[in-house]
PDB file of N, CA and C in Angstrom:
ATOM      1  N   MET A   1      71.383  72.991 -44.104  1.00  0.00           N
ATOM      2  CA  MET A   1      70.629  71.764 -43.957  1.00  0.00           C
ATOM      3  C   MET A   1      71.481  70.607 -44.462  1.00  0.00           C
ATOM      4  N   ALA A   2      71.515  69.547 -43.704  1.00  0.00           N
ATOM      5  CA  ALA A   2      72.302  68.374 -44.075  1.00  0.00           C
ATOM      6  C   ALA A   2      71.623  67.609 -45.210  1.00  0.00           C
ATOM      7  N   THR A   3      72.418  66.863 -45.943  1.00  0.00           N
ATOM      8  CA  THR A   3      71.915  66.030 -47.028  1.00  0.00           C
ATOM      9  C   THR A   3      72.010  64.573 -46.607  1.00  0.00           C
ATOM     10  N   MET A   4      70.976  63.786 -46.961  1.00  0.00           N
ATOM     11  CA  MET A   4      70.963  62.373 -46.650  1.00  0.00           C
ATOM     12  C   MET A   4      70.458  61.626 -47.876  1.00  0.00           C
ATOM     13  N   ASN A   5      71.182  60.621 -48.280  1.00  0.00           N
ATOM     14  CA  ASN A   5      70.738  59.802 -49.404  1.00  0.00           C
ATOM     15  C   ASN A   5      69.982  58.603 -48.861  1.00  0.00           C
ATOM     16  N   ILE A   6      68.824  58.322 -49.458  1.00  0.00           N
ATOM     17  CA  ILE A   6      68.031  57.175 -49.028  1.00  0.00           C
ATOM     18  C   ILE A   6      67.639  56.342 -50.237  1.00  0.00           C
ATOM     19  N   SER A   7      67.370  55.086 -49.988  1.00  0.00           N
ATOM     20  CA  SER A   7      66.877  54.190 -51.032  1.00  0.00           C
ATOM     21  C   SER A   7      65.427  53.872 -50.730  1.00  0.00           C
ATOM     22  N   LEU A   8      64.601  53.917 -51.771  1.00  0.00           N
ATOM     23  CA  LEU A   8      63.179  53.629 -51.607  1.00  0.00           C
ATOM     24  C   LEU A   8      62.754  52.561 -52.606  1.00  0.00           C
ATOM     25  N   PRO A   9      61.813  51.718 -52.209  1.00  0.00           N
ATOM     26  CA  PRO A   9      61.271  50.775 -53.186  1.00  0.00           C
ATOM     27  C   PRO A   9      60.479  51.546 -54.255  1.00  0.00           C
ATOM     28  N   ASP A  10      60.309  50.913 -55.396  1.00  0.00           N
ATOM     29  CA  ASP A  10      59.662  51.583 -56.529  1.00  0.00           C
ATOM     30  C   ASP A  10      58.293  52.171 -56.179  1.00  0.00           C
ATOM     31  N   GLU A  11      57.493  51.457 -55.383  1.00  0.00           N
ATOM     32  CA  GLU A  11      56.153  51.969 -55.083  1.00  0.00           C
ATOM     33  C   GLU A  11      56.213  53.251 -54.260  1.00  0.00           C
ATOM     34  N   LEU A  12      57.220  53.389 -53.393  1.00  0.00           N
ATOM     35  CA  LEU A  12      57.354  54.646 -52.644  1.00  0.00           C
ATOM     36  C   LEU A  12      57.891  55.766 -53.518  1.00  0.00           C
ATOM     37  N   VAL A  13      58.791  55.424 -54.432  1.00  0.00           N
ATOM     38  CA  VAL A  13      59.282  56.429 -55.390  1.00  0.00           C
ATOM     39  C   VAL A  13      58.099  56.948 -56.208  1.00  0.00           C
ATOM     40  N   ASP A  14      57.255  56.040 -56.696  1.00  0.00           N
ATOM     41  CA  ASP A  14      56.080  56.445 -57.474  1.00  0.00           C
ATOM     42  C   ASP A  14      55.163  57.344 -56.655  1.00  0.00           C
ATOM     43  N   PHE A  15      54.976  56.989 -55.384  1.00  0.00           N
ATOM     44  CA  PHE A  15      54.121  57.800 -54.525  1.00  0.00           C
ATOM     45  C   PHE A  15      54.694  59.209 -54.350  1.00  0.00           C
ATOM     46  N   VAL A  16      55.977  59.283 -54.026  1.00  0.00           N
ATOM     47  CA  VAL A  16      56.624  60.591 -53.814  1.00  0.00           C
ATOM     48  C   VAL A  16      56.546  61.423 -55.084  1.00  0.00           C
ATOM     49  N   GLU A  17      56.875  60.821 -56.207  1.00  0.00           N
ATOM     50  CA  GLU A  17      56.820  61.552 -57.482  1.00  0.00           C
ATOM     51  C   GLU A  17      55.397  61.995 -57.797  1.00  0.00           C
ATOM     52  N   GLY A  18      54.411  61.155 -57.457  1.00  0.00           N
ATOM     53  CA  GLY A  18      53.012  61.527 -57.668  1.00  0.00           C
ATOM     54  C   GLY A  18      52.609  62.726 -56.827  1.00  0.00           C
ATOM     55  N   GLU A  19      53.093  62.780 -55.597  1.00  0.00           N
ATOM     56  CA  GLU A  19      52.796  63.928 -54.731  1.00  0.00           C
ATOM     57  C   GLU A  19      53.388  65.217 -55.298  1.00  0.00           C
ATOM     58  N   VAL A  20      54.595  65.121 -55.819  1.00  0.00           N
ATOM     59  CA  VAL A  20      55.238  66.298 -56.421  1.00  0.00           C
ATOM     60  C   VAL A  20      54.506  66.686 -57.703  1.00  0.00           C
ATOM     61  N   ASP A  21      54.204  65.697 -58.546  1.00  0.00           N
ATOM     62  CA  ASP A  21      53.517  65.962 -59.821  1.00  0.00           C
ATOM     63  C   ASP A  21      52.131  66.567 -59.615  1.00  0.00           C
ATOM     64  N   SER A  22      51.468  66.217 -58.512  1.00  0.00           N
ATOM     65  CA  SER A  22      50.125  66.743 -58.258  1.00  0.00           C
ATOM     66  C   SER A  22      50.158  68.205 -57.816  1.00  0.00           C
ATOM     67  N   GLY A  23      51.366  68.703 -57.511  1.00  0.00           N
ATOM     68  CA  GLY A  23      51.492  70.096 -57.104  1.00  0.00           C
ATOM     69  C   GLY A  23      51.388  70.311 -55.610  1.00  0.00           C
ATOM     70  N   GLY A  24      51.211  69.246 -54.853  1.00  0.00           N
ATOM     71  CA  GLY A  24      51.099  69.394 -53.405  1.00  0.00           C
ATOM     72  C   GLY A  24      52.425  69.724 -52.739  1.00  0.00           C
ATOM     73  N   TYR A  25      53.498  69.347 -53.395  1.00  0.00           N
ATOM     74  CA  TYR A  25      54.847  69.585 -52.878  1.00  0.00           C
ATOM     75  C   TYR A  25      55.729  70.055 -54.026  1.00  0.00           C
ATOM     76  N   THR A  26      56.770  70.794 -53.676  1.00  0.00           N
ATOM     77  CA  THR A  26      57.658  71.312 -54.717  1.00  0.00           C
ATOM     78  C   THR A  26      58.825  70.384 -55.028  1.00  0.00           C
ATOM     79  N   SER A  27      59.109  69.430 -54.136  1.00  0.00           N
ATOM     80  CA  SER A  27      60.231  68.523 -54.365  1.00  0.00           C
ATOM     81  C   SER A  27      60.027  67.218 -53.599  1.00  0.00           C
ATOM     82  N   SER A  28      60.771  66.215 -53.998  1.00  0.00           N
ATOM     83  CA  SER A  28      60.702  64.939 -53.289  1.00  0.00           C
ATOM     84  C   SER A  28      61.219  65.104 -51.859  1.00  0.00           C
ATOM     85  N   SER A  29      62.182  65.972 -51.654  1.00  0.00           N
ATOM     86  CA  SER A  29      62.699  66.211 -50.305  1.00  0.00           C
ATOM     87  C   SER A  29      61.603  66.760 -49.393  1.00  0.00           C
ATOM     88  N   GLU A  30      60.768  67.620 -49.946  1.00  0.00           N
ATOM     89  CA  GLU A  30      59.686  68.196 -49.157  1.00  0.00           C
ATOM     90  C   GLU A  30      58.695  67.101 -48.732  1.00  0.00           C
ATOM     91  N   VAL A  31      58.417  66.162 -49.634  1.00  0.00           N
ATOM     92  CA  VAL A  31      57.516  65.051 -49.314  1.00  0.00           C
ATOM     93  C   VAL A  31      58.107  64.214 -48.174  1.00  0.00           C
ATOM     94  N   VAL A  32      59.379  63.876 -48.287  1.00  0.00           N
ATOM     95  CA  VAL A  32      60.029  63.039 -47.281  1.00  0.00           C
ATOM     96  C   VAL A  32      60.097  63.770 -45.935  1.00  0.00           C
ATOM     97  N   ARG A  33      60.413  65.062 -45.957  1.00  0.00           N
ATOM     98  CA  ARG A  33      60.455  65.823 -44.695  1.00  0.00           C
ATOM     99  C   ARG A  33      59.093  65.824 -44.016  1.00  0.00           C
ATOM    100  N   GLU A  34      58.027  66.019 -44.802  1.00  0.00           N
ATOM    101  CA  GLU A  34      56.682  66.020 -44.230  1.00  0.00           C
ATOM    102  C   GLU A  34      56.340  64.643 -43.657  1.00  0.00           C
ATOM    103  N   ALA A  35      56.711  63.583 -44.346  1.00  0.00           N
ATOM    104  CA  ALA A  35      56.452  62.234 -43.848  1.00  0.00           C
ATOM    105  C   ALA A  35      57.172  62.000 -42.521  1.00  0.00           C
ATOM    106  N   ILE A  36      58.392  62.467 -42.419  1.00  0.00           N
ATOM    107  CA  ILE A  36      59.159  62.286 -41.179  1.00  0.00           C
ATOM    108  C   ILE A  36      58.552  63.117 -40.051  1.00  0.00           C
ATOM    109  N   ARG A  37      58.093  64.324 -40.371  1.00  0.00           N
ATOM    110  CA  ARG A  37      57.420  65.145 -39.348  1.00  0.00           C
ATOM    111  C   ARG A  37      56.172  64.440 -38.820  1.00  0.00           C
ATOM    112  N   LEU A  38      55.397  63.852 -39.721  1.00  0.00           N
ATOM    113  CA  LEU A  38      54.194  63.132 -39.303  1.00  0.00           C
ATOM    114  C   LEU A  38      54.539  61.926 -38.444  1.00  0.00           C
ATOM    115  N   LEU A  39      55.570  61.196 -38.806  1.00  0.00           N
ATOM    116  CA  LEU A  39      56.014  60.054 -38.014  1.00  0.00           C
ATOM    117  C   LEU A  39      56.448  60.513 -36.624  1.00  0.00           C
ATOM    118  N   GLN A  40      57.197  61.600 -36.581  1.00  0.00           N
ATOM    119  CA  GLN A  40      57.654  62.141 -35.302  1.00  0.00           C
ATOM    120  C   GLN A  40      56.458  62.560 -34.445  1.00  0.00           C
ATOM    121  N   HIS A  41      55.472  63.201 -35.070  1.00  0.00           N
ATOM    122  CA  HIS A  41      54.269  63.632 -34.353  1.00  0.00           C
ATOM    123  C   HIS A  41      53.525  62.415 -33.789  1.00  0.00           C
ATOM    124  N   ASP A  42      53.382  61.364 -34.602  1.00  0.00           N
ATOM    125  CA  ASP A  42      52.719  60.140 -34.128  1.00  0.00           C
ATOM    126  C   ASP A  42      53.451  59.537 -32.937  1.00  0.00           C
ATOM    127  N   LYS A  43      54.763  59.523 -32.985  1.00  0.00           N
ATOM    128  CA  LYS A  43      55.544  58.962 -31.876  1.00  0.00           C
ATOM    129  C   LYS A  43      55.372  59.813 -30.619  1.00  0.00           C
ATOM    130  N   ASP A  44      55.326  61.135 -30.788  1.00  0.00           N
ATOM    131  CA  ASP A  44      55.097  62.025 -29.649  1.00  0.00           C
ATOM    132  C   ASP A  44      53.729  61.766 -29.026  1.00  0.00           C
ATOM    133  N   LEU A  45      52.710  61.560 -29.874  1.00  0.00           N
ATOM    134  CA  LEU A  45      51.375  61.270 -29.352  1.00  0.00           C
ATOM    135  C   LEU A  45      51.348  59.947 -28.594  1.00  0.00           C
ATOM    136  N   GLU A  46      52.023  58.952 -29.122  1.00  0.00           N
ATOM    137  CA  GLU A  46      52.074  57.658 -28.445  1.00  0.00           C
ATOM    138  C   GLU A  46      52.751  57.780 -27.081  1.00  0.00           C
ATOM    139  N   ALA A  47      53.820  58.544 -27.020  1.00  0.00           N
ATOM    140  CA  ALA A  47      54.509  58.752 -25.737  1.00  0.00           C
ATOM    141  C   ALA A  47      53.595  59.466 -24.747  1.00  0.00           C
ATOM    142  N   GLU A  48      52.835  60.431 -25.256  1.00  0.00           N
ATOM    143  CA  GLU A  48      51.894  61.148 -24.388  1.00  0.00           C
ATOM    144  C   GLU A  48      50.802  60.213 -23.880  1.00  0.00           C
ATOM    145  N   LYS A  49      50.291  59.344 -24.751  1.00  0.00           N
ATOM    146  CA  LYS A  49      49.260  58.382 -24.338  1.00  0.00           C
ATOM    147  C   LYS A  49      49.796  57.437 -23.270  1.00  0.00           C
ATOM    148  N   ARG A  50      51.032  56.972 -23.447  1.00  0.00           N
ATOM    149  CA  ARG A  50      51.624  56.081 -22.444  1.00  0.00           C
ATOM    150  C   ARG A  50      51.776  56.793 -21.105  1.00  0.00           C
ATOM    151  N   ALA A  51      52.164  58.059 -21.144  1.00  0.00           N
ATOM    152  CA  ALA A  51      52.335  58.820 -19.902  1.00  0.00           C
ATOM    153  C   ALA A  51      50.997  58.984 -19.189  1.00  0.00           C
ATOM    154  N   VAL A  52      49.936  59.271 -19.934  1.00  0.00           N
ATOM    155  CA  VAL A  52      48.603  59.418 -19.338  1.00  0.00           C
ATOM    156  C   VAL A  52      48.153  58.090 -18.747  1.00  0.00           C
ATOM    157  N   LEU A  53      48.348  57.007 -19.491  1.00  0.00           N
ATOM    158  CA  LEU A  53      47.954  55.690 -18.995  1.00  0.00           C
ATOM    159  C   LEU A  53      48.712  55.332 -17.723  1.00  0.00           C
ATOM    160  N   LYS A  54      50.014  55.597 -17.716  1.00  0.00           N
ATOM    161  CA  LYS A  54      50.825  55.309 -16.531  1.00  0.00           C
ATOM    162  C   LYS A  54      50.330  56.116 -15.329  1.00  0.00           C
ATOM    163  N   ARG A  55      50.014  57.393 -15.570  1.00  0.00           N
ATOM    164  CA  ARG A  55      49.508  58.236 -14.481  1.00  0.00           C
ATOM    165  C   ARG A  55      48.180  57.721 -13.961  1.00  0.00           C
ATOM    166  N   GLU A  56      47.276  57.370 -14.854  1.00  0.00           N
ATOM    167  CA  GLU A  56      45.948  56.897 -14.449  1.00  0.00           C
ATOM    168  C   GLU A  56      46.033  55.568 -13.707  1.00  0.00           C
ATOM    169  N   VAL A  57      46.890  54.671 -14.164  1.00  0.00           N
ATOM    170  CA  VAL A  57      47.073  53.398 -13.460  1.00  0.00           C
ATOM    171  C   VAL A  57      47.630  53.668 -12.065  1.00  0.00           C
ATOM    172  N   GLY A  58      48.578  54.590 -11.976  1.00  0.00           N
ATOM    173  CA  GLY A  58      49.137  54.950 -10.668  1.00  0.00           C
ATOM    174  C   GLY A  58      48.076  55.495  -9.732  1.00  0.00           C
ATOM    175  N   LEU A  59      47.190  56.344 -10.263  1.00  0.00           N
ATOM    176  CA  LEU A  59      46.094  56.876  -9.435  1.00  0.00           C
ATOM    177  C   LEU A  59      45.167  55.751  -8.979  1.00  0.00           C
ATOM    178  N   GLY A  60      44.888  54.824  -9.896  1.00  0.00           N
ATOM    179  CA  GLY A  60      44.024  53.700  -9.539  1.00  0.00           C
ATOM    180  C   GLY A  60      44.648  52.824  -8.472  1.00  0.00           C
ATOM    181  N   LEU A  61      45.943  52.563  -8.603  1.00  0.00           N
ATOM    182  CA  LEU A  61      46.633  51.759  -7.596  1.00  0.00           C
ATOM    183  C   LEU A  61      46.659  52.464  -6.242  1.00  0.00           C
ATOM    184  N   ALA A  62      46.857  53.775  -6.278  1.00  0.00           N
ATOM    185  CA  ALA A  62      46.867  54.539  -5.028  1.00  0.00           C
ATOM    186  C   ALA A  62      45.479  54.496  -4.374  1.00  0.00           C
ATOM    187  N   ASP A  63      44.427  54.633  -5.186  1.00  0.00           N
ATOM    188  CA  ASP A  63      43.071  54.543  -4.638  1.00  0.00           C
ATOM    189  C   ASP A  63      42.823  53.171  -4.024  1.00  0.00           C
ATOM    190  N   ALA A  64      43.253  52.121  -4.729  1.00  0.00           N
ATOM    191  CA  ALA A  64      43.057  50.758  -4.216  1.00  0.00           C
ATOM    192  C   ALA A  64      43.827  50.567  -2.914  1.00  0.00           C
ATOM    193  N   ALA A  65      45.050  51.066  -2.846  1.00  0.00           N
ATOM    194  CA  ALA A  65      45.856  50.931  -1.631  1.00  0.00           C
ATOM    195  C   ALA A  65      45.230  51.689  -0.459  1.00  0.00           C
ATOM    196  N   ALA A  66      44.520  52.784  -0.782  1.00  0.00           N
ATOM    197  CA  ALA A  66      43.873  53.577   0.271  1.00  0.00           C
ATOM    198  C   ALA A  66      42.478  53.045   0.611  1.00  0.00           C
ATOM    199  N   GLY A  67      42.075  51.954  -0.065  1.00  0.00           N
ATOM    200  CA  GLY A  67      40.778  51.368   0.231  1.00  0.00           C
ATOM    201  C   GLY A  67      39.617  52.005  -0.502  1.00  0.00           C
ATOM    202  N   ARG A  68      39.915  52.834  -1.483  1.00  0.00           N
ATOM    203  CA  ARG A  68      38.843  53.467  -2.270  1.00  0.00           C
ATOM    204  C   ARG A  68      38.560  52.589  -3.489  1.00  0.00           C
ATOM    205  N   PHE A  69      37.372  51.991  -3.523  1.00  0.00           N
ATOM    206  CA  PHE A  69      36.987  51.093  -4.602  1.00  0.00           C
ATOM    207  C   PHE A  69      35.715  51.595  -5.263  1.00  0.00           C
ATOM    208  N   SER A  70      35.446  51.085  -6.428  1.00  0.00           N
ATOM    209  CA  SER A  70      34.244  51.448  -7.171  1.00  0.00           C
ATOM    210  C   SER A  70      33.324  50.234  -7.264  1.00  0.00           C
ATOM    211  N   ASP A  71      32.032  50.501  -7.337  1.00  0.00           N
ATOM    212  CA  ASP A  71      31.058  49.429  -7.522  1.00  0.00           C
ATOM    213  C   ASP A  71      30.953  49.019  -8.992  1.00  0.00           C
ATOM    214  N   LYS A  72      31.617  49.759  -9.867  1.00  0.00           N
ATOM    215  CA  LYS A  72      31.522  49.474 -11.293  1.00  0.00           C
ATOM    216  C   LYS A  72      32.283  48.194 -11.641  1.00  0.00           C
ATOM    217  N   THR A  73      31.794  47.542 -12.688  1.00  0.00           N
ATOM    218  CA  THR A  73      32.491  46.345 -13.166  1.00  0.00           C
ATOM    219  C   THR A  73      33.695  46.770 -13.998  1.00  0.00           C
ATOM    220  N   VAL A  74      34.576  45.834 -14.254  1.00  0.00           N
ATOM    221  CA  VAL A  74      35.745  46.105 -15.094  1.00  0.00           C
ATOM    222  C   VAL A  74      35.300  46.598 -16.466  1.00  0.00           C
ATOM    223  N   PHE A  75      34.210  46.032 -16.987  1.00  0.00           N
ATOM    224  CA  PHE A  75      33.722  46.419 -18.307  1.00  0.00           C
ATOM    225  C   PHE A  75      33.185  47.846 -18.310  1.00  0.00           C
ATOM    226  N   GLU A  76      32.490  48.218 -17.259  1.00  0.00           N
ATOM    227  CA  GLU A  76      31.994  49.592 -17.148  1.00  0.00           C
ATOM    228  C   GLU A  76      33.160  50.573 -17.042  1.00  0.00           C
ATOM    229  N   LEU A  77      34.151  50.209 -16.264  1.00  0.00           N
ATOM    230  CA  LEU A  77      35.325  51.077 -16.133  1.00  0.00           C
ATOM    231  C   LEU A  77      36.067  51.200 -17.457  1.00  0.00           C
ATOM    232  N   ALA A  78      36.205  50.082 -18.185  1.00  0.00           N
ATOM    233  CA  ALA A  78      36.895  50.115 -19.477  1.00  0.00           C
ATOM    234  C   ALA A  78      36.137  51.007 -20.462  1.00  0.00           C
ATOM    235  N   ASP A  79      34.806  50.909 -20.477  1.00  0.00           N
ATOM    236  CA  ASP A  79      34.007  51.770 -21.351  1.00  0.00           C
ATOM    237  C   ASP A  79      34.192  53.243 -20.987  1.00  0.00           C
ATOM    238  N   GLU A  80      34.249  53.519 -19.700  1.00  0.00           N
ATOM    239  CA  GLU A  80      34.451  54.888 -19.229  1.00  0.00           C
ATOM    240  C   GLU A  80      35.812  55.428 -19.689  1.00  0.00           C
ATOM    241  N   VAL A  81      36.829  54.603 -19.573  1.00  0.00           N
ATOM    242  CA  VAL A  81      38.180  55.010 -20.004  1.00  0.00           C
ATOM    243  C   VAL A  81      38.191  55.261 -21.503  1.00  0.00           C
ATOM    244  N   ARG A  82      37.545  54.377 -22.281  1.00  0.00           N
ATOM    245  CA  ARG A  82      37.494  54.567 -23.739  1.00  0.00           C
ATOM    246  C   ARG A  82      36.785  55.866 -24.098  1.00  0.00           C
ATOM    247  N   ARG A  83      35.668  56.149 -23.447  1.00  0.00           N
ATOM    248  CA  ARG A  83      34.940  57.392 -23.730  1.00  0.00           C
ATOM    249  C   ARG A  83      35.803  58.612 -23.390  1.00  0.00           C
ATOM    250  N   GLU A  84      36.468  58.557 -22.256  1.00  0.00           N
ATOM    251  CA  GLU A  84      37.334  59.656 -21.833  1.00  0.00           C
ATOM    252  C   GLU A  84      38.478  59.859 -22.821  1.00  0.00           C
ATOM    253  N   HIS A  85      39.040  58.760 -23.284  1.00  0.00           N
ATOM    254  CA  HIS A  85      40.160  58.822 -24.215  1.00  0.00           C
ATOM    255  C   HIS A  85      39.748  59.446 -25.547  1.00  0.00           C
ATOM    256  N   ARG A  86      38.530  59.206 -25.975  1.00  0.00           N
ATOM    257  CA  ARG A  86      38.052  59.745 -27.264  1.00  0.00           C
ATOM    258  C   ARG A  86      37.836  61.249 -27.209  1.00  0.00           C
ATOM    259  N   ARG A  87      37.688  61.806 -26.012  1.00  0.00           N
ATOM    260  CA  ARG A  87      37.470  63.258 -25.895  1.00  0.00           C
ATOM    261  C   ARG A  87      38.718  63.987 -26.098  1.00  0.00           C
TER     262      ARG A  87
END
């Protein structure tokens, strides 16, 4: 495993040390690795959300180009998308 030296502001040092002192982690490196994994996971989720949105917009544009329209208002459609996204 490679070694990397980083500088942290005092409040982050205190947080990392607190996590280790609480027994949740065995070392500061473990805390930082977990934080980076979570950041990576969040970025992966964001990329997935963008891909879904791009696909759905493409489907909507294709429907519009083919003359398939909905009687729903923009607000009704937005509510529907939000509900679908929460599932």
